[in-house]
């Protein structure tokens, strides 16, 4: 008679489960994507705060350009993550 032993599966954060097989995908999805999105959000909020208080138009322009650059970087990181996870 065979005996089935239930193994305890540890509860890892989303994406960390395959850490031994795909460490780069895990790093990107767990750390780099949230950092990129957070950077975009911070610059967006700084730009909104600058506009609401009537700050310098030059500062608003610089923040908008920085936001667009960070959005590009975030999209590249997200697409790279999706590509690596699909391999």
N, C-alpha and C. Protein backbone atom coordinates (compact mmCIF):
# COMPACT_ATOMS: atom_id res chain seq x y z
N UNK A 1 0.85 -1.16 0.00
CA UNK A 1 0.00 0.00 0.00
C UNK A 1 0.91 1.25 0.00
N UNK A 2 0.69 2.13 -0.97
CA UNK A 2 1.50 3.33 -1.03
C UNK A 2 0.89 4.42 -0.16
N UNK A 3 1.73 5.20 0.36
CA UNK A 3 1.29 6.25 1.27
C UNK A 3 1.58 7.61 0.63
N UNK A 4 0.59 8.45 0.55
CA UNK A 4 0.75 9.77 -0.04
C UNK A 4 1.04 10.76 1.07
N UNK A 5 2.15 11.42 0.92
CA UNK A 5 2.55 12.40 1.92
C UNK A 5 2.35 13.78 1.31
N UNK A 6 1.57 14.58 1.97
CA UNK A 6 1.34 15.95 1.49
C UNK A 6 2.52 16.82 1.88
N UNK A 7 3.08 17.47 0.86
CA UNK A 7 4.19 18.37 1.14
C UNK A 7 3.66 19.76 1.38
N UNK A 8 4.29 20.40 2.32
CA UNK A 8 3.89 21.77 2.64
C UNK A 8 4.50 22.70 1.60
N UNK A 9 3.66 23.47 0.91
CA UNK A 9 4.12 24.44 -0.07
C UNK A 9 4.27 25.79 0.62
N UNK A 10 5.48 26.36 0.63
CA UNK A 10 5.64 27.67 1.26
C UNK A 10 4.90 28.74 0.47
N UNK A 11 4.40 29.72 1.16
CA UNK A 11 3.67 30.81 0.51
C UNK A 11 4.66 31.92 0.20
N UNK A 12 5.03 32.00 -1.06
CA UNK A 12 5.96 33.03 -1.52
C UNK A 12 5.18 34.18 -2.11
N UNK A 13 5.78 35.36 -2.12
CA UNK A 13 5.14 36.47 -2.82
C UNK A 13 4.99 36.13 -4.30
N UNK A 14 4.03 36.78 -4.93
CA UNK A 14 3.75 36.52 -6.33
C UNK A 14 5.00 36.68 -7.17
N UNK A 15 5.33 35.69 -7.97
CA UNK A 15 6.48 35.77 -8.84
C UNK A 15 7.75 35.18 -8.26
N UNK A 16 7.80 34.93 -6.98
CA UNK A 16 9.02 34.42 -6.36
C UNK A 16 9.04 32.90 -6.37
N UNK A 17 7.93 32.28 -6.69
CA UNK A 17 7.82 30.83 -6.64
C UNK A 17 8.83 30.15 -7.57
N UNK A 18 9.09 30.73 -8.75
CA UNK A 18 10.01 30.14 -9.70
C UNK A 18 11.40 30.77 -9.62
N UNK A 19 11.79 31.20 -8.46
CA UNK A 19 13.04 31.94 -8.29
C UNK A 19 14.25 31.10 -8.66
N UNK A 20 14.19 29.81 -8.45
CA UNK A 20 15.35 29.00 -8.76
C UNK A 20 15.48 28.76 -10.26
N UNK A 21 14.37 28.85 -10.99
CA UNK A 21 14.43 28.60 -12.42
C UNK A 21 14.66 29.88 -13.22
N UNK A 22 14.08 30.99 -12.82
CA UNK A 22 14.17 32.23 -13.57
C UNK A 22 14.48 33.40 -12.64
N UNK A 23 15.71 33.51 -12.19
CA UNK A 23 16.02 34.58 -11.24
C UNK A 23 15.89 35.98 -11.83
N UNK A 24 16.19 36.15 -13.12
CA UNK A 24 16.08 37.48 -13.72
C UNK A 24 14.62 37.91 -13.83
N UNK A 25 13.74 37.01 -14.21
CA UNK A 25 12.32 37.34 -14.30
C UNK A 25 11.77 37.66 -12.92
N UNK A 26 12.22 36.94 -11.93
CA UNK A 26 11.77 37.20 -10.56
C UNK A 26 12.23 38.57 -10.09
N UNK A 27 13.49 38.88 -10.35
CA UNK A 27 14.03 40.19 -9.96
C UNK A 27 13.26 41.32 -10.66
N UNK A 28 13.04 41.16 -11.95
CA UNK A 28 12.35 42.21 -12.70
C UNK A 28 10.92 42.39 -12.20
N UNK A 29 10.18 41.29 -12.08
CA UNK A 29 8.77 41.41 -11.72
C UNK A 29 8.56 41.79 -10.26
N UNK A 30 9.49 41.42 -9.39
CA UNK A 30 9.30 41.70 -7.97
C UNK A 30 9.86 43.05 -7.55
N UNK A 31 10.94 43.47 -8.17
CA UNK A 31 11.60 44.69 -7.72
C UNK A 31 11.61 45.81 -8.76
N UNK A 32 12.08 45.53 -9.96
CA UNK A 32 12.32 46.59 -10.92
C UNK A 32 11.04 47.21 -11.49
N UNK A 33 10.02 46.39 -11.77
CA UNK A 33 8.76 46.93 -12.30
C UNK A 33 8.09 47.86 -11.28
N UNK A 34 7.93 47.46 -10.01
CA UNK A 34 7.33 48.39 -9.05
C UNK A 34 8.15 49.67 -8.85
N UNK A 35 9.48 49.56 -8.90
CA UNK A 35 10.31 50.76 -8.75
C UNK A 35 10.08 51.70 -9.93
N UNK A 36 10.02 51.16 -11.14
CA UNK A 36 9.81 51.99 -12.33
C UNK A 36 8.45 52.68 -12.28
N UNK A 37 7.42 51.94 -11.91
CA UNK A 37 6.08 52.51 -11.84
C UNK A 37 6.01 53.54 -10.71
N UNK A 38 6.65 53.26 -9.60
CA UNK A 38 6.66 54.20 -8.48
C UNK A 38 7.38 55.49 -8.84
N UNK A 39 8.47 55.39 -9.61
CA UNK A 39 9.19 56.59 -10.03
C UNK A 39 8.32 57.47 -10.91
N UNK A 40 7.57 56.86 -11.82
CA UNK A 40 6.65 57.62 -12.68
C UNK A 40 5.59 58.31 -11.82
N UNK A 41 5.04 57.59 -10.85
CA UNK A 41 4.01 58.16 -9.99
C UNK A 41 4.54 59.34 -9.17
N UNK A 42 5.75 59.21 -8.65
CA UNK A 42 6.34 60.29 -7.84
C UNK A 42 6.53 61.54 -8.68
N UNK A 43 7.08 61.39 -9.89
CA UNK A 43 7.30 62.55 -10.74
C UNK A 43 5.97 63.17 -11.17
N UNK A 44 4.97 62.34 -11.43
CA UNK A 44 3.65 62.85 -11.77
C UNK A 44 3.06 63.67 -10.63
N UNK A 45 3.17 63.16 -9.42
CA UNK A 45 2.65 63.89 -8.26
C UNK A 45 3.43 65.18 -8.00
N UNK A 46 4.73 65.15 -8.22
CA UNK A 46 5.52 66.37 -8.07
C UNK A 46 5.09 67.43 -9.09
N UNK A 47 4.83 66.99 -10.31
CA UNK A 47 4.37 67.92 -11.34
C UNK A 47 3.01 68.50 -11.01
N UNK A 48 2.11 67.66 -10.52
CA UNK A 48 0.78 68.15 -10.13
C UNK A 48 0.88 69.14 -8.97
N UNK A 49 1.71 68.83 -8.00
CA UNK A 49 1.89 69.74 -6.86
C UNK A 49 2.47 71.07 -7.32
N UNK A 50 3.40 71.03 -8.25
CA UNK A 50 4.00 72.26 -8.77
C UNK A 50 2.95 73.11 -9.50
N UNK A 51 2.09 72.45 -10.26
CA UNK A 51 1.04 73.20 -10.97
C UNK A 51 0.01 73.77 -10.01
N UNK A 52 -0.36 73.02 -8.99
CA UNK A 52 -1.40 73.47 -8.05
C UNK A 52 -0.94 74.67 -7.23
N UNK A 53 0.32 74.72 -6.91
CA UNK A 53 0.79 75.86 -6.11
C UNK A 53 1.25 77.03 -6.97
N UNK A 54 1.14 76.87 -8.29
CA UNK A 54 1.52 77.95 -9.19
C UNK A 54 3.01 78.11 -9.33
N UNK A 55 3.71 77.00 -9.40
CA UNK A 55 5.16 77.03 -9.50
C UNK A 55 5.65 77.46 -10.88
N UNK A 56 6.92 77.42 -11.04
CA UNK A 56 7.57 77.85 -12.27
C UNK A 56 7.16 76.96 -13.45
N UNK A 57 6.82 77.58 -14.58
CA UNK A 57 6.52 76.78 -15.78
C UNK A 57 7.73 75.97 -16.26
N UNK A 58 8.93 76.49 -16.03
CA UNK A 58 10.13 75.74 -16.42
C UNK A 58 10.24 74.44 -15.63
N UNK A 59 9.92 74.51 -14.34
CA UNK A 59 9.95 73.31 -13.51
C UNK A 59 8.91 72.31 -13.98
N UNK A 60 7.71 72.80 -14.31
CA UNK A 60 6.67 71.92 -14.82
C UNK A 60 7.12 71.23 -16.10
N UNK A 61 7.76 71.98 -16.98
CA UNK A 61 8.24 71.42 -18.25
C UNK A 61 9.30 70.35 -18.01
N UNK A 62 10.22 70.60 -17.08
CA UNK A 62 11.26 69.62 -16.78
C UNK A 62 10.66 68.35 -16.18
N UNK A 63 9.68 68.53 -15.28
CA UNK A 63 9.03 67.37 -14.66
C UNK A 63 8.25 66.57 -15.70
N UNK A 64 7.61 67.26 -16.64
CA UNK A 64 6.86 66.56 -17.67
C UNK A 64 7.81 65.75 -18.56
N UNK A 65 8.93 66.33 -18.92
CA UNK A 65 9.91 65.61 -19.74
C UNK A 65 10.49 64.42 -18.98
N UNK A 66 10.76 64.61 -17.70
CA UNK A 66 11.26 63.50 -16.88
C UNK A 66 10.22 62.39 -16.77
N UNK A 67 8.95 62.78 -16.62
CA UNK A 67 7.88 61.78 -16.54
C UNK A 67 7.77 60.97 -17.82
N UNK A 68 7.85 61.63 -18.96
CA UNK A 68 7.78 60.92 -20.23
C UNK A 68 8.96 59.96 -20.37
N UNK A 69 10.15 60.39 -19.99
CA UNK A 69 11.32 59.51 -20.03
C UNK A 69 11.14 58.31 -19.11
N UNK A 70 10.65 58.56 -17.89
CA UNK A 70 10.45 57.46 -16.94
C UNK A 70 9.35 56.51 -17.40
N UNK A 71 8.32 57.04 -18.07
CA UNK A 71 7.28 56.17 -18.62
C UNK A 71 7.87 55.26 -19.70
N UNK A 72 8.75 55.81 -20.53
CA UNK A 72 9.41 54.99 -21.55
C UNK A 72 10.23 53.88 -20.89
N UNK A 73 11.00 54.23 -19.88
CA UNK A 73 11.82 53.24 -19.18
C UNK A 73 10.92 52.17 -18.53
N UNK A 74 9.82 52.60 -17.92
CA UNK A 74 8.90 51.64 -17.28
C UNK A 74 8.30 50.69 -18.31
N UNK A 75 7.93 51.20 -19.46
CA UNK A 75 7.36 50.33 -20.50
C UNK A 75 8.40 49.34 -21.00
N UNK A 76 9.64 49.79 -21.19
CA UNK A 76 10.71 48.88 -21.62
C UNK A 76 10.94 47.80 -20.57
N UNK A 77 10.97 48.18 -19.30
CA UNK A 77 11.18 47.19 -18.22
C UNK A 77 10.02 46.19 -18.18
N UNK A 78 8.79 46.67 -18.32
CA UNK A 78 7.63 45.78 -18.29
C UNK A 78 7.65 44.82 -19.48
N UNK A 79 7.95 45.33 -20.66
CA UNK A 79 8.00 44.47 -21.85
C UNK A 79 9.15 43.46 -21.74
N UNK A 80 10.29 43.87 -21.21
CA UNK A 80 11.40 42.96 -21.00
C UNK A 80 11.02 41.86 -20.01
N UNK A 81 10.30 42.23 -18.96
CA UNK A 81 9.85 41.26 -17.96
C UNK A 81 8.90 40.24 -18.59
N UNK A 82 7.95 40.73 -19.38
CA UNK A 82 7.01 39.82 -20.05
C UNK A 82 7.74 38.89 -21.00
N UNK A 83 8.71 39.42 -21.72
CA UNK A 83 9.48 38.60 -22.67
C UNK A 83 10.27 37.52 -21.95
N UNK A 84 10.93 37.91 -20.85
CA UNK A 84 11.75 36.92 -20.11
C UNK A 84 10.87 35.87 -19.45
N UNK A 85 9.72 36.26 -18.93
CA UNK A 85 8.83 35.29 -18.27
C UNK A 85 8.23 34.31 -19.27
N UNK A 86 8.11 34.73 -20.53
CA UNK A 86 7.55 33.85 -21.54
C UNK A 86 8.55 32.84 -22.10
N UNK A 87 9.81 33.04 -21.82
CA UNK A 87 10.84 32.14 -22.36
C UNK A 87 10.95 30.86 -21.57
